[in-house]
Amino acid sequence: MARTTFQSFWGQFGWMGVVLPARIYKALALLSALLVAGFLWWLFDRRRPRLAPFQRASLILLLVLAFLILLEFLGYNLTFVQHQGRYLFPALIPIGMAAALGLDRLAGVLPQRMCPWATTALFVGLATLDVYCLFKFIIPFLAR
C-alpha cells in the first residue's frame, strides 16, 4: 500500500500502468525524507522565532486538514482497495507548506550565498524530471 501510494503520488501514469524506474522513486524518496526531516526540524526548533497567533492558527489548521485527509484516505482504502496517491491530492496545500518549510530549514545549513543556487537547482531538477517523464514515459504510452 505505502509503495503504490508513494509511487502514484509522485508519478505512475496511464491508469497506473506506466511505472517509472526504481532509481527515480528512490531519488524522490530521498528528497521526501529530507523535506520531512527539515519540516520536523523546523516544527520542533525552539530557536525559531515565535509565530504570530494567525500564523499558528493557520499552521494548526493545515496540520489538522492533512491529518483528516490521511484518515479519509485510510478509511477509503479499508472499504475499497485504491492505493493511489491521487486521493492525497486534497492535502497538496498542507504538503506543499510542510515541504517549503522543510526546504527553508535545510537551506539554512548552507552558506547564505549558496541557498539561491541550491534551491534553483532543486526546482530545475524537478522541472527536468517532469519533461523527462513526459517524453520518455507518458507520450510513448499514449501513442500505443
N, C-alpha and C. Protein backbone atom coordinates (compact mmCIF):
# COMPACT_ATOMS: atom_id res chain seq x y z
N MET A 1 0.83 -1.19 0.00
CA MET A 1 0.00 0.00 0.00
C MET A 1 0.88 1.27 0.00
N ALA A 2 1.86 1.31 0.89
CA ALA A 2 2.69 2.51 1.01
C ALA A 2 3.48 2.76 -0.28
N ARG A 3 4.04 1.69 -0.86
CA ARG A 3 4.85 1.86 -2.07
C ARG A 3 3.98 2.34 -3.23
N THR A 4 2.84 1.72 -3.44
CA THR A 4 1.97 2.11 -4.54
C THR A 4 1.46 3.53 -4.36
N THR A 5 1.09 3.89 -3.14
CA THR A 5 0.63 5.25 -2.87
C THR A 5 1.74 6.25 -3.14
N PHE A 6 2.94 5.96 -2.65
CA PHE A 6 4.07 6.87 -2.86
C PHE A 6 4.37 7.02 -4.35
N GLN A 7 4.48 5.91 -5.04
CA GLN A 7 4.81 5.95 -6.46
C GLN A 7 3.75 6.69 -7.26
N SER A 8 2.48 6.43 -6.99
CA SER A 8 1.44 7.08 -7.77
C SER A 8 1.27 8.54 -7.37
N PHE A 9 1.66 8.90 -6.16
CA PHE A 9 1.63 10.31 -5.77
C PHE A 9 2.64 11.09 -6.59
N TRP A 10 3.84 10.55 -6.75
CA TRP A 10 4.90 11.24 -7.47
C TRP A 10 4.81 11.04 -8.97
N GLY A 11 4.39 9.87 -9.42
CA GLY A 11 4.32 9.65 -10.86
C GLY A 11 4.17 8.20 -11.24
N GLN A 12 2.96 7.80 -11.45
CA GLN A 12 2.65 6.49 -12.02
C GLN A 12 1.48 6.76 -12.96
N PHE A 13 1.75 6.70 -14.23
CA PHE A 13 0.85 7.27 -15.22
C PHE A 13 0.04 6.21 -15.94
N GLY A 14 -0.83 6.67 -16.83
CA GLY A 14 -1.58 5.77 -17.69
C GLY A 14 -2.43 4.77 -16.94
N TRP A 15 -3.29 5.28 -16.06
CA TRP A 15 -4.18 4.42 -15.28
C TRP A 15 -3.37 3.40 -14.48
N MET A 16 -2.28 3.87 -13.91
CA MET A 16 -1.39 3.09 -13.04
C MET A 16 -0.57 2.07 -13.82
N GLY A 17 -0.56 2.16 -15.14
CA GLY A 17 0.14 1.18 -15.95
C GLY A 17 1.57 1.57 -16.34
N VAL A 18 1.93 2.83 -16.15
CA VAL A 18 3.26 3.30 -16.53
C VAL A 18 4.03 3.65 -15.26
N VAL A 19 4.91 2.75 -14.88
CA VAL A 19 5.71 2.90 -13.67
C VAL A 19 7.08 3.43 -14.06
N LEU A 20 7.59 4.36 -13.27
CA LEU A 20 8.92 4.92 -13.52
C LEU A 20 9.99 3.94 -13.03
N PRO A 21 11.21 4.11 -13.49
CA PRO A 21 12.31 3.25 -13.00
C PRO A 21 12.50 3.42 -11.48
N ALA A 22 12.94 2.37 -10.83
CA ALA A 22 13.11 2.37 -9.37
C ALA A 22 14.06 3.47 -8.92
N ARG A 23 15.08 3.78 -9.71
CA ARG A 23 16.05 4.80 -9.30
C ARG A 23 15.39 6.17 -9.15
N ILE A 24 14.39 6.46 -9.94
CA ILE A 24 13.69 7.75 -9.82
C ILE A 24 12.89 7.77 -8.52
N TYR A 25 12.19 6.68 -8.22
CA TYR A 25 11.44 6.63 -6.96
C TYR A 25 12.37 6.70 -5.76
N LYS A 26 13.54 6.10 -5.87
CA LYS A 26 14.50 6.16 -4.75
C LYS A 26 14.97 7.60 -4.54
N ALA A 27 15.24 8.31 -5.63
CA ALA A 27 15.65 9.71 -5.51
C ALA A 27 14.52 10.55 -4.93
N LEU A 28 13.29 10.30 -5.35
CA LEU A 28 12.14 11.04 -4.82
C LEU A 28 11.89 10.68 -3.35
N ALA A 29 12.17 9.43 -2.98
CA ALA A 29 12.04 9.03 -1.58
C ALA A 29 13.07 9.76 -0.73
N LEU A 30 14.29 9.88 -1.24
CA LEU A 30 15.33 10.62 -0.52
C LEU A 30 14.93 12.09 -0.36
N LEU A 31 14.46 12.69 -1.44
CA LEU A 31 14.01 14.08 -1.38
C LEU A 31 12.88 14.22 -0.37
N SER A 32 11.91 13.32 -0.42
CA SER A 32 10.77 13.37 0.51
C SER A 32 11.24 13.24 1.95
N ALA A 33 12.15 12.30 2.19
CA ALA A 33 12.66 12.10 3.56
C ALA A 33 13.39 13.35 4.05
N LEU A 34 14.17 13.97 3.18
CA LEU A 34 14.88 15.19 3.56
C LEU A 34 13.90 16.32 3.88
N LEU A 35 12.86 16.45 3.06
CA LEU A 35 11.87 17.51 3.30
C LEU A 35 11.08 17.26 4.58
N VAL A 36 10.74 16.01 4.85
CA VAL A 36 10.03 15.68 6.10
C VAL A 36 10.95 15.97 7.29
N ALA A 37 12.21 15.56 7.19
CA ALA A 37 13.16 15.82 8.28
C ALA A 37 13.32 17.32 8.49
N GLY A 38 13.41 18.08 7.41
CA GLY A 38 13.53 19.54 7.52
C GLY A 38 12.30 20.15 8.15
N PHE A 39 11.12 19.65 7.78
CA PHE A 39 9.89 20.19 8.37
C PHE A 39 9.82 19.87 9.86
N LEU A 40 10.15 18.64 10.23
CA LEU A 40 10.14 18.28 11.65
C LEU A 40 11.16 19.11 12.44
N TRP A 41 12.31 19.34 11.83
CA TRP A 41 13.33 20.19 12.44
C TRP A 41 12.77 21.59 12.65
N TRP A 42 12.12 22.13 11.63
CA TRP A 42 11.51 23.46 11.74
C TRP A 42 10.43 23.46 12.82
N LEU A 43 9.59 22.44 12.83
CA LEU A 43 8.45 22.39 13.74
C LEU A 43 8.89 22.35 15.21
N PHE A 44 9.94 21.59 15.50
CA PHE A 44 10.36 21.40 16.88
C PHE A 44 11.57 22.26 17.28
N ASP A 45 11.98 23.17 16.42
CA ASP A 45 13.11 24.03 16.70
C ASP A 45 12.69 25.12 17.69
N ARG A 46 13.26 25.09 18.86
CA ARG A 46 12.92 26.08 19.89
C ARG A 46 13.57 27.44 19.63
N ARG A 47 14.54 27.48 18.72
CA ARG A 47 15.24 28.73 18.44
C ARG A 47 14.57 29.56 17.35
N ARG A 48 13.62 29.00 16.65
CA ARG A 48 12.98 29.78 15.59
C ARG A 48 12.08 30.84 16.22
N PRO A 49 11.87 31.92 15.51
CA PRO A 49 11.01 32.98 16.06
C PRO A 49 9.59 32.46 16.31
N ARG A 50 8.96 33.00 17.33
CA ARG A 50 7.59 32.59 17.63
C ARG A 50 6.67 33.03 16.50
N LEU A 51 5.68 32.19 16.24
CA LEU A 51 4.70 32.52 15.20
C LEU A 51 3.67 33.49 15.75
N ALA A 52 3.21 34.36 14.87
CA ALA A 52 2.10 35.23 15.24
C ALA A 52 0.86 34.36 15.45
N PRO A 53 -0.10 34.82 16.24
CA PRO A 53 -1.29 33.98 16.51
C PRO A 53 -1.99 33.49 15.24
N PHE A 54 -2.14 34.35 14.22
CA PHE A 54 -2.81 33.90 13.00
C PHE A 54 -1.95 32.88 12.24
N GLN A 55 -0.62 33.01 12.33
CA GLN A 55 0.25 32.02 11.69
C GLN A 55 0.15 30.68 12.39
N ARG A 56 0.12 30.72 13.69
CA ARG A 56 -0.01 29.49 14.48
C ARG A 56 -1.34 28.81 14.18
N ALA A 57 -2.42 29.59 14.15
CA ALA A 57 -3.75 29.03 13.86
C ALA A 57 -3.78 28.45 12.43
N SER A 58 -3.14 29.14 11.50
CA SER A 58 -3.11 28.65 10.11
C SER A 58 -2.34 27.34 10.01
N LEU A 59 -1.21 27.26 10.70
CA LEU A 59 -0.41 26.03 10.69
C LEU A 59 -1.19 24.88 11.31
N ILE A 60 -1.85 25.14 12.42
CA ILE A 60 -2.67 24.09 13.06
C ILE A 60 -3.78 23.64 12.12
N LEU A 61 -4.42 24.59 11.46
CA LEU A 61 -5.49 24.24 10.51
C LEU A 61 -4.95 23.36 9.38
N LEU A 62 -3.78 23.69 8.84
CA LEU A 62 -3.19 22.89 7.77
C LEU A 62 -2.82 21.49 8.26
N LEU A 63 -2.26 21.40 9.46
CA LEU A 63 -1.92 20.08 10.01
C LEU A 63 -3.17 19.24 10.26
N VAL A 64 -4.22 19.85 10.78
CA VAL A 64 -5.48 19.13 11.01
C VAL A 64 -6.07 18.68 9.67
N LEU A 65 -6.04 19.55 8.69
CA LEU A 65 -6.55 19.21 7.36
C LEU A 65 -5.79 18.02 6.78
N ALA A 66 -4.47 18.06 6.86
CA ALA A 66 -3.67 16.94 6.35
C ALA A 66 -4.00 15.65 7.09
N PHE A 67 -4.16 15.73 8.40
CA PHE A 67 -4.49 14.54 9.20
C PHE A 67 -5.87 13.99 8.81
N LEU A 68 -6.86 14.87 8.62
CA LEU A 68 -8.19 14.42 8.23
C LEU A 68 -8.18 13.77 6.85
N ILE A 69 -7.42 14.33 5.93
CA ILE A 69 -7.33 13.75 4.59
C ILE A 69 -6.64 12.39 4.66
N LEU A 70 -5.63 12.25 5.49
CA LEU A 70 -4.98 10.96 5.68
C LEU A 70 -5.96 9.94 6.26
N LEU A 71 -6.76 10.35 7.24
CA LEU A 71 -7.79 9.46 7.80
C LEU A 71 -8.81 9.05 6.73
N GLU A 72 -9.20 10.01 5.91
CA GLU A 72 -10.14 9.71 4.83
C GLU A 72 -9.53 8.72 3.85
N PHE A 73 -8.26 8.91 3.52
CA PHE A 73 -7.56 8.00 2.62
C PHE A 73 -7.52 6.59 3.20
N LEU A 74 -7.16 6.49 4.48
CA LEU A 74 -7.10 5.17 5.12
C LEU A 74 -8.48 4.53 5.21
N GLY A 75 -9.48 5.31 5.57
CA GLY A 75 -10.84 4.79 5.64
C GLY A 75 -11.34 4.31 4.28
N TYR A 76 -11.07 5.08 3.26
CA TYR A 76 -11.49 4.69 1.91
C TYR A 76 -10.82 3.39 1.50
N ASN A 77 -9.55 3.24 1.88
CA ASN A 77 -8.82 2.03 1.49
C ASN A 77 -9.19 0.82 2.32
N LEU A 78 -9.86 1.01 3.44
CA LEU A 78 -10.40 -0.13 4.18
C LEU A 78 -11.68 -0.64 3.52
N THR A 79 -12.35 0.23 2.77
CA THR A 79 -13.57 -0.15 2.06
C THR A 79 -13.28 -0.62 0.65
N PHE A 80 -12.50 0.15 -0.08
CA PHE A 80 -12.12 -0.15 -1.46
C PHE A 80 -10.59 -0.15 -1.53
N VAL A 81 -10.02 -1.08 -2.22
CA VAL A 81 -8.56 -1.10 -2.36
C VAL A 81 -8.19 -0.16 -3.50
N GLN A 82 -7.78 1.03 -3.14
CA GLN A 82 -7.41 2.06 -4.11
C GLN A 82 -6.17 2.78 -3.61
N HIS A 83 -5.05 2.12 -3.57
CA HIS A 83 -3.81 2.70 -3.04
C HIS A 83 -3.21 3.66 -4.06
N GLN A 84 -3.91 4.76 -4.28
CA GLN A 84 -3.45 5.71 -5.28
C GLN A 84 -3.18 7.06 -4.62
N GLY A 85 -2.04 7.63 -4.97
CA GLY A 85 -1.64 8.90 -4.40
C GLY A 85 -2.57 10.04 -4.74
N ARG A 86 -3.36 9.89 -5.79
CA ARG A 86 -4.28 10.98 -6.17
C ARG A 86 -5.29 11.26 -5.08
N TYR A 87 -5.56 10.29 -4.23
CA TYR A 87 -6.50 10.52 -3.14
C TYR A 87 -5.90 11.38 -2.05
N LEU A 88 -4.62 11.64 -2.11
CA LEU A 88 -3.97 12.56 -1.18
C LEU A 88 -3.85 13.97 -1.76
N PHE A 89 -4.26 14.17 -3.00
CA PHE A 89 -4.13 15.48 -3.63
C PHE A 89 -4.88 16.60 -2.89
N PRO A 90 -6.01 16.33 -2.21
CA PRO A 90 -6.61 17.42 -1.43
C PRO A 90 -5.67 17.96 -0.35
N ALA A 91 -4.66 17.21 0.02
CA ALA A 91 -3.69 17.64 1.03
C ALA A 91 -2.47 18.32 0.40
N LEU A 92 -2.52 18.65 -0.88
CA LEU A 92 -1.34 19.24 -1.53
C LEU A 92 -0.93 20.57 -0.91
N ILE A 93 -1.88 21.36 -0.46
CA ILE A 93 -1.51 22.65 0.14
C ILE A 93 -0.78 22.42 1.47
N PRO A 94 -1.31 21.60 2.39
CA PRO A 94 -0.52 21.34 3.59
C PRO A 94 0.81 20.64 3.30
N ILE A 95 0.82 19.71 2.34
CA ILE A 95 2.07 19.02 1.99
C ILE A 95 3.07 20.03 1.41
N GLY A 96 2.60 20.91 0.54
CA GLY A 96 3.47 21.92 -0.04
C GLY A 96 4.02 22.89 1.00
N MET A 97 3.18 23.26 1.95
CA MET A 97 3.64 24.16 3.02
C MET A 97 4.71 23.46 3.86
N ALA A 98 4.47 22.21 4.22
CA ALA A 98 5.45 21.47 5.00
C ALA A 98 6.76 21.32 4.22
N ALA A 99 6.65 21.04 2.92
CA ALA A 99 7.85 20.89 2.08
C ALA A 99 8.60 22.21 2.00
N ALA A 100 7.89 23.32 1.85
CA ALA A 100 8.55 24.63 1.77
C ALA A 100 9.25 24.97 3.09
N LEU A 101 8.59 24.70 4.21
CA LEU A 101 9.22 24.97 5.50
C LEU A 101 10.42 24.06 5.72
N GLY A 102 10.29 22.80 5.31
CA GLY A 102 11.42 21.87 5.42
C GLY A 102 12.59 22.29 4.55
N LEU A 103 12.28 22.70 3.33
CA LEU A 103 13.33 23.16 2.42
C LEU A 103 14.01 24.41 2.96
N ASP A 104 13.23 25.32 3.52
CA ASP A 104 13.80 26.53 4.10
C ASP A 104 14.73 26.19 5.26
N ARG A 105 14.33 25.25 6.10
CA ARG A 105 15.17 24.86 7.24
C ARG A 105 16.45 24.19 6.75
N LEU A 106 16.32 23.31 5.77
CA LEU A 106 17.51 22.62 5.25
C LEU A 106 18.44 23.59 4.53
N ALA A 107 17.86 24.54 3.82
CA ALA A 107 18.70 25.53 3.12
C ALA A 107 19.45 26.40 4.12
N GLY A 108 18.94 26.51 5.32
CA GLY A 108 19.59 27.31 6.34
C GLY A 108 20.93 26.77 6.79
N VAL A 109 21.21 25.50 6.52
CA VAL A 109 22.51 24.95 6.91
C VAL A 109 23.57 25.24 5.85
N LEU A 110 23.15 25.66 4.68
CA LEU A 110 24.09 26.00 3.61
C LEU A 110 24.63 27.41 3.83
N PRO A 111 25.81 27.69 3.29
CA PRO A 111 26.27 29.09 3.30
C PRO A 111 25.25 29.96 2.57
N GLN A 112 25.02 31.16 3.07
CA GLN A 112 23.95 32.01 2.56
C GLN A 112 24.05 32.27 1.06
N ARG A 113 25.25 32.37 0.53
CA ARG A 113 25.40 32.65 -0.91
C ARG A 113 25.00 31.44 -1.76
N MET A 114 25.00 30.23 -1.16
CA MET A 114 24.64 29.02 -1.92
C MET A 114 23.14 28.73 -1.92
N CYS A 115 22.39 29.30 -0.98
CA CYS A 115 20.96 28.98 -0.86
C CYS A 115 20.17 29.21 -2.15
N PRO A 116 20.29 30.37 -2.79
CA PRO A 116 19.52 30.56 -4.02
C PRO A 116 19.90 29.55 -5.11
N TRP A 117 21.19 29.22 -5.20
CA TRP A 117 21.64 28.28 -6.23
C TRP A 117 21.13 26.87 -5.94
N ALA A 118 21.18 26.45 -4.69
CA ALA A 118 20.72 25.11 -4.33
C ALA A 118 19.22 24.97 -4.55
N THR A 119 18.47 25.99 -4.16
CA THR A 119 17.02 25.96 -4.36
C THR A 119 16.68 25.96 -5.85
N THR A 120 17.38 26.78 -6.61
CA THR A 120 17.15 26.81 -8.06
C THR A 120 17.49 25.47 -8.68
N ALA A 121 18.59 24.86 -8.26
CA ALA A 121 18.98 23.55 -8.80
C ALA A 121 17.92 22.49 -8.50
N LEU A 122 17.34 22.54 -7.31
CA LEU A 122 16.29 21.58 -6.96
C LEU A 122 15.09 21.74 -7.88
N PHE A 123 14.64 22.98 -8.07
CA PHE A 123 13.46 23.19 -8.90
C PHE A 123 13.73 22.94 -10.38
N VAL A 124 14.92 23.25 -10.85
CA VAL A 124 15.28 22.92 -12.23
C VAL A 124 15.33 21.40 -12.40
N GLY A 125 15.85 20.71 -11.40
CA GLY A 125 15.89 19.25 -11.45
C GLY A 125 14.50 18.65 -11.49
N LEU A 126 13.58 19.18 -10.69
CA LEU A 126 12.20 18.66 -10.71
C LEU A 126 11.50 18.98 -12.04
N ALA A 127 11.74 20.16 -12.58
CA ALA A 127 11.16 20.50 -13.89
C ALA A 127 11.74 19.61 -14.98
N THR A 128 13.03 19.33 -14.91
CA THR A 128 13.67 18.43 -15.87
C THR A 128 13.07 17.03 -15.75
N LEU A 129 12.83 16.58 -14.53
CA LEU A 129 12.19 15.28 -14.32
C LEU A 129 10.80 15.26 -14.97
N ASP A 130 10.05 16.35 -14.84
CA ASP A 130 8.73 16.43 -15.47
C ASP A 130 8.81 16.26 -16.99
N VAL A 131 9.72 16.98 -17.60
CA VAL A 131 9.86 16.90 -19.06
C VAL A 131 10.34 15.52 -19.47
N TYR A 132 11.29 14.96 -18.72
CA TYR A 132 11.80 13.62 -18.99
C TYR A 132 10.66 12.60 -18.94
N CYS A 133 9.85 12.65 -17.89
CA CYS A 133 8.73 11.71 -17.76
C CYS A 133 7.73 11.88 -18.89
N LEU A 134 7.49 13.13 -19.28
CA LEU A 134 6.54 13.39 -20.36
C LEU A 134 6.98 12.71 -21.65
N PHE A 135 8.23 12.92 -22.03
CA PHE A 135 8.69 12.42 -23.32
C PHE A 135 9.17 10.97 -23.28
N LYS A 136 9.64 10.50 -22.15
CA LYS A 136 10.16 9.13 -22.05
C LYS A 136 9.07 8.11 -21.72
N PHE A 137 8.05 8.52 -20.96
CA PHE A 137 7.06 7.55 -20.49
C PHE A 137 5.63 7.87 -20.93
N ILE A 138 5.18 9.09 -20.70
CA ILE A 138 3.77 9.42 -20.92
C ILE A 138 3.41 9.43 -22.41
N ILE A 139 4.12 10.20 -23.20
CA ILE A 139 3.79 10.29 -24.63
C ILE A 139 3.93 8.93 -25.32
N PRO A 140 5.02 8.18 -25.10
CA PRO A 140 5.09 6.85 -25.74
C PRO A 140 3.93 5.93 -25.31
N PHE A 141 3.49 6.01 -24.07
CA PHE A 141 2.38 5.17 -23.62
C PHE A 141 1.10 5.58 -24.33
N LEU A 142 0.86 6.89 -24.45
CA LEU A 142 -0.36 7.37 -25.10
C LEU A 142 -0.35 7.10 -26.60
N ALA A 143 0.83 6.95 -27.19
CA ALA A 143 0.92 6.71 -28.62
C ALA A 143 0.56 5.28 -29.00
N ARG A 144 0.44 4.40 -28.04
CA ARG A 144 0.12 2.99 -28.34
C ARG A 144 -1.29 2.82 -28.82
